[in-house]
Each structure stands twice: as structure tokens, then as C-alpha cells.
Amino acid sequence: MSLEQDAKKLLMDRLDDCLSIHADMLDSTNIGSIYELQDLAALHYYLKVEHEFTPAEVEALLSFQDPLDVAHWCWEENTHEHSFPICELLDKIDAFQRFEQINEETSPDRMLGLIKRLGQNWVSLRDDWLSMDKEILIAKAPEIAAAQDVYAYVTRGMTFEKNEVEALLSLENPLKYLADRWPKPVSDLIDMDDLLEEYIGDIQSSPEYLAQKGATTARESVHDRLQKAAQQVSTQGSHAKENRDPQVR
């Protein structure tokens, strides 16, 4: 098998792993998530069965942590009716700046293993939250927000060193470990009084207030018109009664 064939086989395996990870992370209660997974599955099939890869396309996609997700964004921006020029589209969507790439020293398999572990942690945490009473769930809102922030950041916004990947994989639940140490909300770190006073002072010029005031004015206008119309009908009725011939029954 040639080097080009080896690289393509590696990419096909990576695409399989990525689809599996996205399936593991599926939020089955969210219709949008289900449709997104269907789109990824359709693209996965196209890439594996129909697309004729160039060596440059294989090399480019292999450089990303999630080549399937990157290919999906390329697909969304593709305006070519009968072709899918991946390298051209990678430049068009600014992929090398937008998406995380694999550190040359980090094993792709270990990196995918970490992403999968984080996805499994997220699903487990989400299932735990969904089983809780509403009052307990509300009390855990900061914890849930921290886990969401961590998950989004480490899976989409961070390039890991080899030792960092191994350290996180040494934990059964690296997502919770990081979420427990995630920075507190800004309101816990700084005095919000001045900022809130400024916001309150801006209320009467805010879009929310102006829209609300406009709706109230419109309701009052309709009410006034109806009231005037009712008064006119009443007045006309009184005049008609006064002018009616007393002999007419």
C-alpha cells in the first residue's frame, strides 16, 4: 500500500471515529441535534463512498481534530454544482484559523479518545441533570453553565499538548474535573453595582422599553377608538329616539 493510500485509509478511519463521537454526544431530546447528526451521516457516506480525494485534500483534513466537522462546514459553503473542491473551500471558510488542528506531537487516536471521553462525560452529566427535580436543577444552574462552557471550549477552542491529553485521559471524568475549577461568573468576581446602575439609567432609551411603550400606546389607541365609536353609536341612538314621530309605533 502506498503512502497516499495509507493516508486516505487513516482519514477514512478518522471520519468513522468522528461520526461515532458525534453520535455519542447526540442530545436525543433536541430535534435540531438529530437533524445535524443526519447531515453529518449523509456527508460521511458521501466522503467515504463517492468523493474522489486528492492527496492535498487528505493531508489537509487529517490536520484537523475533527475532519468531519470541518468538511461539513466546507459542504455548507460549497456553491459548485458538480464538485466539492475541499482545499478551495478550506480557504474560503478560513478553516485553519477557525478550527482546531492536531498538535504534531499528539497522537490523533489519543486526541480522538479525549474528545470521545469528554462527550461521554457530557452525556452522563446531562442525564443526571434531567433526572433531578426542577428545584434542584435550578440550584445547579451555575454548575451546568460551567460544564457547558468547558465542553464547548475544550472541544472547539483549544489545541492540546501531548502531556495534557494524557493527563486528562488519566481521569474518568475530565469534564467534571475542569468544570469544578472553571472561573466563576463575572458577577462573583467584580462589583456589579456601578454597571447595574448604568443599565437601569438606560432603561427608558432601551429597545425593550421603547417596544413595550409602543405596544402599550397602540393598545390605548385602539381602546380610545372603540370607546369613541361606542359613544357615537349611543349618541346617534339617543338623537334618533328624540326625533322619532310619537305616533309611530
C-alpha atoms as a PDB file:
ATOM      1  CA  MET A   1       0.000   0.000   0.000  1.00  0.00           C
ATOM      2  CA  SER A   2       1.386   3.426  -0.984  1.00  0.00           C
ATOM      3  CA  LEU A   3       1.776   6.380   1.359  1.00  0.00           C
ATOM      4  CA  GLU A   4      -1.167   8.093  -0.321  1.00  0.00           C
ATOM      5  CA  GLN A   5      -3.339   5.032   0.253  1.00  0.00           C
ATOM      6  CA  ASP A   6      -2.182   4.823   3.871  1.00  0.00           C
ATOM      7  CA  ALA A   7      -3.093   8.465   4.421  1.00  0.00           C
ATOM      8  CA  LYS A   8      -6.521   8.013   2.840  1.00  0.00           C
ATOM      9  CA  LYS A   9      -7.216   4.936   4.974  1.00  0.00           C
ATOM     10  CA  LEU A  10      -6.240   6.910   8.069  1.00  0.00           C
ATOM     11  CA  LEU A  11      -8.625   9.690   7.060  1.00  0.00           C
ATOM     12  CA  MET A  12     -11.453   7.199   6.491  1.00  0.00           C
ATOM     13  CA  ASP A  13     -10.845   5.746   9.958  1.00  0.00           C
ATOM     14  CA  ARG A  14     -10.810   9.243  11.448  1.00  0.00           C
ATOM     15  CA  LEU A  15     -14.096  10.077   9.733  1.00  0.00           C
ATOM     16  CA  ASP A  16     -15.613   6.914  11.235  1.00  0.00           C
ATOM     17  CA  ASP A  17     -14.370   7.867  14.697  1.00  0.00           C
ATOM     18  CA  CYS A  18     -15.660  11.424  14.374  1.00  0.00           C
ATOM     19  CA  LEU A  19     -19.134  10.282  13.332  1.00  0.00           C
ATOM     20  CA  SER A  20     -19.189   7.862  16.256  1.00  0.00           C
ATOM     21  CA  ILE A  21     -18.214  10.656  18.652  1.00  0.00           C
ATOM     22  CA  HIS A  22     -20.915  12.966  17.301  1.00  0.00           C
ATOM     23  CA  ALA A  23     -23.436  10.134  17.714  1.00  0.00           C
ATOM     24  CA  ASP A  24     -22.320   9.610  21.327  1.00  0.00           C
ATOM     25  CA  MET A  25     -22.774  13.314  22.016  1.00  0.00           C
ATOM     26  CA  LEU A  26     -26.257  13.472  20.450  1.00  0.00           C
ATOM     27  CA  ASP A  27     -28.881  15.221  22.535  1.00  0.00           C
ATOM     28  CA  SER A  28     -31.836  12.945  21.749  1.00  0.00           C
ATOM     29  CA  THR A  29     -34.263  15.494  23.214  1.00  0.00           C
ATOM     30  CA  ASN A  30     -33.204  18.137  20.677  1.00  0.00           C
ATOM     31  CA  ILE A  31     -34.681  17.771  17.181  1.00  0.00           C
ATOM     32  CA  GLY A  32     -32.058  20.142  15.774  1.00  0.00           C
ATOM     33  CA  SER A  33     -29.255  17.914  17.081  1.00  0.00           C
ATOM     34  CA  ILE A  34     -30.861  14.884  15.442  1.00  0.00           C
ATOM     35  CA  TYR A  35     -31.048  16.668  12.073  1.00  0.00           C
ATOM     36  CA  GLU A  36     -27.410  17.774  12.424  1.00  0.00           C
ATOM     37  CA  LEU A  37     -26.340  14.175  13.019  1.00  0.00           C
ATOM     38  CA  GLN A  38     -28.318  13.080   9.951  1.00  0.00           C
ATOM     39  CA  ASP A  39     -26.497  15.693   7.873  1.00  0.00           C
ATOM     40  CA  LEU A  40     -23.131  14.516   9.202  1.00  0.00           C
ATOM     41  CA  ALA A  41     -24.027  10.888   8.471  1.00  0.00           C
ATOM     42  CA  ALA A  42     -25.000  11.767   4.891  1.00  0.00           C
ATOM     43  CA  LEU A  43     -21.744  13.681   4.386  1.00  0.00           C
ATOM     44  CA  HIS A  44     -19.768  10.833   5.971  1.00  0.00           C
ATOM     45  CA  TYR A  45     -21.265   8.418   3.430  1.00  0.00           C
ATOM     46  CA  TYR A  46     -20.504  10.761   0.538  1.00  0.00           C
ATOM     47  CA  LEU A  47     -16.879  11.229   1.611  1.00  0.00           C
ATOM     48  CA  LYS A  48     -16.267   7.518   2.068  1.00  0.00           C
ATOM     49  CA  VAL A  49     -18.139   6.212  -0.973  1.00  0.00           C
ATOM     50  CA  GLU A  50     -18.417   8.904  -3.632  1.00  0.00           C
ATOM     51  CA  HIS A  51     -15.850  11.683  -3.242  1.00  0.00           C
ATOM     52  CA  GLU A  52     -12.585  11.320  -5.154  1.00  0.00           C
ATOM     53  CA  PHE A  53      -9.973  12.735  -2.796  1.00  0.00           C
ATOM     54  CA  THR A  54      -6.821  14.435  -3.961  1.00  0.00           C
ATOM     55  CA  PRO A  55      -3.681  13.871  -1.849  1.00  0.00           C
ATOM     56  CA  ALA A  56      -3.805  17.540  -0.818  1.00  0.00           C
ATOM     57  CA  GLU A  57      -7.381  17.180   0.459  1.00  0.00           C
ATOM     58  CA  VAL A  58      -6.466  14.115   2.503  1.00  0.00           C
ATOM     59  CA  GLU A  59      -3.467  15.841   4.046  1.00  0.00           C
ATOM     60  CA  ALA A  60      -5.457  18.983   4.826  1.00  0.00           C
ATOM     61  CA  LEU A  61      -8.354  17.202   6.543  1.00  0.00           C
ATOM     62  CA  LEU A  62      -6.007  14.988   8.549  1.00  0.00           C
ATOM     63  CA  SER A  63      -4.533  18.096  10.142  1.00  0.00           C
ATOM     64  CA  PHE A  64      -7.793  18.872  11.984  1.00  0.00           C
ATOM     65  CA  GLN A  65      -9.029  17.433  15.251  1.00  0.00           C
ATOM     66  CA  ASP A  66     -12.463  16.829  13.714  1.00  0.00           C
ATOM     67  CA  PRO A  67     -12.120  16.473   9.932  1.00  0.00           C
ATOM     68  CA  LEU A  68     -15.789  15.517   9.576  1.00  0.00           C
ATOM     69  CA  ASP A  69     -16.971  18.739  11.201  1.00  0.00           C
ATOM     70  CA  VAL A  70     -14.584  20.784   9.048  1.00  0.00           C
ATOM     71  CA  ALA A  71     -15.779  19.001   5.908  1.00  0.00           C
ATOM     72  CA  HIS A  72     -19.359  19.734   6.978  1.00  0.00           C
ATOM     73  CA  TRP A  73     -18.667  23.477   7.097  1.00  0.00           C
ATOM     74  CA  CYS A  74     -16.991  23.237   3.692  1.00  0.00           C
ATOM     75  CA  TRP A  75     -20.087  21.463   2.383  1.00  0.00           C
ATOM     76  CA  GLU A  76     -22.341  24.218   3.725  1.00  0.00           C
ATOM     77  CA  GLU A  77     -20.336  26.831   1.797  1.00  0.00           C
ATOM     78  CA  ASN A  78     -19.967  24.842  -1.420  1.00  0.00           C
ATOM     79  CA  THR A  79     -21.565  26.608  -4.384  1.00  0.00           C
ATOM     80  CA  HIS A  80     -20.191  24.212  -7.029  1.00  0.00           C
ATOM     81  CA  GLU A  81     -22.998  22.158  -8.508  1.00  0.00           C
ATOM     82  CA  HIS A  82     -20.979  19.128  -9.605  1.00  0.00           C
ATOM     83  CA  SER A  83     -17.836  19.188  -7.473  1.00  0.00           C
ATOM     84  CA  PHE A  84     -16.610  19.509  -3.907  1.00  0.00           C
ATOM     85  CA  PRO A  85     -13.182  21.231  -4.015  1.00  0.00           C
ATOM     86  CA  ILE A  86     -12.225  20.806  -0.361  1.00  0.00           C
ATOM     87  CA  CYS A  87      -8.934  22.726  -0.419  1.00  0.00           C
ATOM     88  CA  GLU A  88     -10.562  25.721  -2.096  1.00  0.00           C
ATOM     89  CA  LEU A  89     -13.383  25.660   0.436  1.00  0.00           C
ATOM     90  CA  LEU A  90     -10.997  25.354   3.386  1.00  0.00           C
ATOM     91  CA  ASP A  91      -9.533  28.689   2.332  1.00  0.00           C
ATOM     92  CA  LYS A  92     -12.992  30.146   1.752  1.00  0.00           C
ATOM     93  CA  ILE A  93     -14.168  29.364   5.298  1.00  0.00           C
ATOM     94  CA  ASP A  94     -10.797  30.289   6.827  1.00  0.00           C
ATOM     95  CA  ALA A  95     -10.633  26.790   8.304  1.00  0.00           C
ATOM     96  CA  PHE A  96      -7.044  26.882   9.518  1.00  0.00           C
ATOM     97  CA  GLN A  97      -7.886  29.837  11.752  1.00  0.00           C
ATOM     98  CA  ARG A  98     -11.397  28.720  12.787  1.00  0.00           C
ATOM     99  CA  PHE A  99     -10.886  25.048  13.623  1.00  0.00           C
ATOM    100  CA  GLU A 100      -8.514  23.298  15.971  1.00  0.00           C
ATOM    101  CA  GLN A 101      -5.660  21.367  14.418  1.00  0.00           C
ATOM    102  CA  ILE A 102      -3.876  18.349  15.808  1.00  0.00           C
ATOM    103  CA  ASN A 103      -0.592  19.047  17.528  1.00  0.00           C
ATOM    104  CA  GLU A 104       2.155  17.284  15.575  1.00  0.00           C
ATOM    105  CA  GLU A 105       3.365  15.591  18.764  1.00  0.00           C
ATOM    106  CA  THR A 106      -0.115  14.446  19.791  1.00  0.00           C
ATOM    107  CA  SER A 107      -1.408  11.082  18.614  1.00  0.00           C
ATOM    108  CA  PRO A 108      -4.625  11.552  16.609  1.00  0.00           C
ATOM    109  CA  ASP A 109      -6.044   8.416  18.237  1.00  0.00           C
ATOM    110  CA  ARG A 110      -5.382   9.762  21.735  1.00  0.00           C
ATOM    111  CA  MET A 111      -6.862  13.135  20.819  1.00  0.00           C
ATOM    112  CA  LEU A 112      -9.989  11.477  19.458  1.00  0.00           C
ATOM    113  CA  GLY A 113     -10.086   9.361  22.593  1.00  0.00           C
ATOM    114  CA  LEU A 114     -10.090  12.509  24.714  1.00  0.00           C
ATOM    115  CA  ILE A 115     -12.851  14.147  22.680  1.00  0.00           C
ATOM    116  CA  LYS A 116     -14.897  10.960  22.968  1.00  0.00           C
ATOM    117  CA  ARG A 117     -14.284  10.802  26.726  1.00  0.00           C
ATOM    118  CA  LEU A 118     -15.419  14.399  27.126  1.00  0.00           C
ATOM    119  CA  GLY A 119     -18.519  13.660  25.049  1.00  0.00           C
ATOM    120  CA  GLN A 120     -19.369  10.657  27.213  1.00  0.00           C
ATOM    121  CA  ASN A 121     -18.863  12.769  30.343  1.00  0.00           C
ATOM    122  CA  TRP A 122     -21.207  15.410  28.939  1.00  0.00           C
ATOM    123  CA  VAL A 123     -23.925  12.858  28.133  1.00  0.00           C
ATOM    124  CA  SER A 124     -23.612  11.338  31.609  1.00  0.00           C
ATOM    125  CA  LEU A 125     -23.836  14.728  33.324  1.00  0.00           C
ATOM    126  CA  ARG A 126     -26.796  15.743  31.178  1.00  0.00           C
ATOM    127  CA  ASP A 127     -28.651  12.520  32.023  1.00  0.00           C
ATOM    128  CA  ASP A 128     -28.023  13.144  35.726  1.00  0.00           C
ATOM    129  CA  TRP A 129     -29.429  16.669  35.443  1.00  0.00           C
ATOM    130  CA  LEU A 130     -32.513  15.524  33.543  1.00  0.00           C
ATOM    131  CA  SER A 131     -33.343  13.072  36.325  1.00  0.00           C
ATOM    132  CA  MET A 132     -33.351  15.796  39.001  1.00  0.00           C
ATOM    133  CA  ASP A 133     -36.302  17.703  40.419  1.00  0.00           C
ATOM    134  CA  LYS A 134     -36.826  21.181  38.955  1.00  0.00           C
ATOM    135  CA  GLU A 135     -35.878  22.973  42.180  1.00  0.00           C
ATOM    136  CA  ILE A 136     -32.589  21.076  42.451  1.00  0.00           C
ATOM    137  CA  LEU A 137     -31.929  21.657  38.758  1.00  0.00           C
ATOM    138  CA  ILE A 138     -32.399  25.417  39.156  1.00  0.00           C
ATOM    139  CA  ALA A 139     -29.974  25.425  42.080  1.00  0.00           C
ATOM    140  CA  LYS A 140     -27.414  23.652  39.893  1.00  0.00           C
ATOM    141  CA  ALA A 141     -27.656  26.229  37.080  1.00  0.00           C
ATOM    142  CA  PRO A 142     -24.112  27.623  37.707  1.00  0.00           C
ATOM    143  CA  GLU A 143     -22.666  24.098  37.662  1.00  0.00           C
ATOM    144  CA  ILE A 144     -24.469  23.281  34.417  1.00  0.00           C
ATOM    145  CA  ALA A 145     -23.322  26.541  32.808  1.00  0.00           C
ATOM    146  CA  ALA A 146     -19.705  25.827  33.799  1.00  0.00           C
ATOM    147  CA  ALA A 147     -19.827  22.327  32.302  1.00  0.00           C
ATOM    148  CA  GLN A 148     -21.322  23.707  29.070  1.00  0.00           C
ATOM    149  CA  ASP A 149     -18.622  26.378  28.832  1.00  0.00           C
ATOM    150  CA  VAL A 150     -15.816  23.893  29.462  1.00  0.00           C
ATOM    151  CA  TYR A 151     -17.172  21.376  26.986  1.00  0.00           C
ATOM    152  CA  ALA A 152     -17.577  23.965  24.220  1.00  0.00           C
ATOM    153  CA  TYR A 153     -14.139  25.448  24.843  1.00  0.00           C
ATOM    154  CA  VAL A 154     -12.038  22.301  25.086  1.00  0.00           C
ATOM    155  CA  THR A 155     -13.679  20.559  22.132  1.00  0.00           C
ATOM    156  CA  ARG A 156     -13.640  23.561  19.791  1.00  0.00           C
ATOM    157  CA  GLY A 157     -11.272  26.195  21.075  1.00  0.00           C
ATOM    158  CA  MET A 158      -8.098  24.587  22.396  1.00  0.00           C
ATOM    159  CA  THR A 159      -5.093  22.769  20.979  1.00  0.00           C
ATOM    160  CA  PHE A 160      -3.738  20.243  23.483  1.00  0.00           C
ATOM    161  CA  GLU A 161      -0.148  19.272  24.058  1.00  0.00           C
ATOM    162  CA  LYS A 162       0.641  15.562  24.264  1.00  0.00           C
ATOM    163  CA  ASN A 163       1.158  15.622  28.036  1.00  0.00           C
ATOM    164  CA  GLU A 164      -2.135  17.498  28.515  1.00  0.00           C
ATOM    165  CA  VAL A 165      -4.047  14.876  26.553  1.00  0.00           C
ATOM    166  CA  GLU A 166      -2.516  12.080  28.611  1.00  0.00           C
ATOM    167  CA  ALA A 167      -3.183  13.892  31.891  1.00  0.00           C
ATOM    168  CA  LEU A 168      -6.857  14.403  31.046  1.00  0.00           C
ATOM    169  CA  LEU A 169      -7.239  10.817  29.842  1.00  0.00           C
ATOM    170  CA  SER A 170      -5.926   9.620  33.203  1.00  0.00           C
ATOM    171  CA  LEU A 171      -9.241  10.807  34.701  1.00  0.00           C
ATOM    172  CA  GLU A 172     -12.551   9.010  34.316  1.00  0.00           C
ATOM    173  CA  ASN A 173     -14.387  12.344  34.186  1.00  0.00           C
ATOM    174  CA  PRO A 174     -12.046  15.075  32.923  1.00  0.00           C
ATOM    175  CA  LEU A 175     -15.033  17.284  32.049  1.00  0.00           C
ATOM    176  CA  LYS A 176     -16.240  17.490  35.655  1.00  0.00           C
ATOM    177  CA  TYR A 177     -12.664  17.990  36.862  1.00  0.00           C
ATOM    178  CA  LEU A 178     -12.276  21.064  34.646  1.00  0.00           C
ATOM    179  CA  ALA A 179     -15.821  22.337  35.278  1.00  0.00           C
ATOM    180  CA  ASP A 180     -15.266  22.255  39.053  1.00  0.00           C
ATOM    181  CA  ARG A 181     -12.271  24.561  38.521  1.00  0.00           C
ATOM    182  CA  TRP A 182     -13.781  26.782  35.821  1.00  0.00           C
ATOM    183  CA  PRO A 183     -13.648  30.538  36.585  1.00  0.00           C
ATOM    184  CA  LYS A 184     -16.683  31.880  38.409  1.00  0.00           C
ATOM    185  CA  PRO A 185     -19.170  34.169  36.645  1.00  0.00           C
ATOM    186  CA  VAL A 186     -18.002  37.763  36.323  1.00  0.00           C
ATOM    187  CA  SER A 187     -20.663  38.881  38.840  1.00  0.00           C
ATOM    188  CA  ASP A 188     -18.855  36.860  41.511  1.00  0.00           C
ATOM    189  CA  LEU A 189     -15.510  38.459  40.723  1.00  0.00           C
ATOM    190  CA  ILE A 190     -16.233  42.187  40.397  1.00  0.00           C
ATOM    191  CA  ASP A 191     -18.545  44.769  41.969  1.00  0.00           C
ATOM    192  CA  MET A 192     -21.571  44.999  39.688  1.00  0.00           C
ATOM    193  CA  ASP A 193     -23.274  47.986  41.405  1.00  0.00           C
ATOM    194  CA  ASP A 194     -21.960  50.680  39.050  1.00  0.00           C
ATOM    195  CA  LEU A 195     -22.687  48.582  35.980  1.00  0.00           C
ATOM    196  CA  LEU A 196     -26.235  47.804  37.102  1.00  0.00           C
ATOM    197  CA  GLU A 197     -26.860  51.478  37.903  1.00  0.00           C
ATOM    198  CA  GLU A 198     -25.768  52.350  34.359  1.00  0.00           C
ATOM    199  CA  TYR A 199     -28.070  49.700  32.888  1.00  0.00           C
ATOM    200  CA  ILE A 200     -31.009  50.938  34.980  1.00  0.00           C
ATOM    201  CA  GLY A 201     -30.343  54.533  33.923  1.00  0.00           C
ATOM    202  CA  ASP A 202     -30.535  53.458  30.270  1.00  0.00           C
ATOM    203  CA  ILE A 203     -33.912  51.724  30.596  1.00  0.00           C
ATOM    204  CA  GLN A 204     -36.053  54.483  29.039  1.00  0.00           C
ATOM    205  CA  SER A 205     -33.837  54.602  25.941  1.00  0.00           C
ATOM    206  CA  SER A 206     -33.553  50.823  25.611  1.00  0.00           C
ATOM    207  CA  PRO A 207     -35.125  48.892  22.695  1.00  0.00           C
ATOM    208  CA  GLU A 208     -37.059  46.752  25.181  1.00  0.00           C
ATOM    209  CA  TYR A 209     -38.678  49.765  26.880  1.00  0.00           C
ATOM    210  CA  LEU A 210     -39.428  51.583  23.621  1.00  0.00           C
ATOM    211  CA  ALA A 211     -41.014  48.484  22.091  1.00  0.00           C
ATOM    212  CA  GLN A 212     -43.081  47.931  25.225  1.00  0.00           C
ATOM    213  CA  LYS A 213     -44.146  51.583  25.287  1.00  0.00           C
ATOM    214  CA  GLY A 214     -45.092  51.442  21.611  1.00  0.00           C
ATOM    215  CA  ALA A 215     -47.223  48.354  22.178  1.00  0.00           C
ATOM    216  CA  THR A 216     -48.937  49.999  25.160  1.00  0.00           C
ATOM    217  CA  THR A 217     -49.636  53.164  23.150  1.00  0.00           C
ATOM    218  CA  ALA A 218     -51.074  51.098  20.315  1.00  0.00           C
ATOM    219  CA  ARG A 219     -53.375  49.241  22.721  1.00  0.00           C
ATOM    220  CA  GLU A 220     -54.518  52.528  24.280  1.00  0.00           C
ATOM    221  CA  SER A 221     -55.165  53.998  20.819  1.00  0.00           C
ATOM    222  CA  VAL A 222     -57.345  51.050  19.823  1.00  0.00           C
ATOM    223  CA  HIS A 223     -59.207  51.271  23.137  1.00  0.00           C
ATOM    224  CA  ASP A 224     -59.819  55.010  22.665  1.00  0.00           C
ATOM    225  CA  ARG A 225     -61.144  54.500  19.131  1.00  0.00           C
ATOM    226  CA  LEU A 226     -63.502  51.761  20.278  1.00  0.00           C
ATOM    227  CA  GLN A 227     -64.712  53.907  23.167  1.00  0.00           C
ATOM    228  CA  LYS A 228     -65.362  56.888  20.874  1.00  0.00           C
ATOM    229  CA  ALA A 229     -67.194  54.674  18.393  1.00  0.00           C
ATOM    230  CA  ALA A 230     -69.381  53.313  21.190  1.00  0.00           C
ATOM    231  CA  GLN A 231     -70.159  56.845  22.358  1.00  0.00           C
ATOM    232  CA  GLN A 232     -71.100  57.896  18.818  1.00  0.00           C
ATOM    233  CA  VAL A 233     -73.456  54.957  18.438  1.00  0.00           C
ATOM    234  CA  SER A 234     -75.026  55.765  21.795  1.00  0.00           C
ATOM    235  CA  THR A 235     -75.416  59.469  20.889  1.00  0.00           C
ATOM    236  CA  GLN A 236     -76.898  58.701  17.477  1.00  0.00           C
ATOM    237  CA  GLY A 237     -79.337  56.309  19.098  1.00  0.00           C
ATOM    238  CA  SER A 238     -80.460  58.965  21.565  1.00  0.00           C
ATOM    239  CA  HIS A 239     -80.984  61.548  18.818  1.00  0.00           C
ATOM    240  CA  ALA A 240     -82.959  59.105  16.736  1.00  0.00           C
ATOM    241  CA  LYS A 241     -85.208  58.341  19.694  1.00  0.00           C
ATOM    242  CA  GLU A 242     -85.812  62.040  20.345  1.00  0.00           C
ATOM    243  CA  ASN A 243     -86.689  62.743  16.686  1.00  0.00           C
ATOM    244  CA  ARG A 244     -88.942  59.740  16.258  1.00  0.00           C
ATOM    245  CA  ASP A 245     -92.648  60.551  15.490  1.00  0.00           C
ATOM    246  CA  PRO A 246     -94.571  59.774  18.693  1.00  0.00           C
ATOM    247  CA  GLN A 247     -97.477  58.408  16.568  1.00  0.00           C
ATOM    248  CA  VAL A 248     -95.228  55.748  15.041  1.00  0.00           C
ATOM    249  CA  ARG A 249     -95.253  52.529  16.961  1.00  0.00           C
END
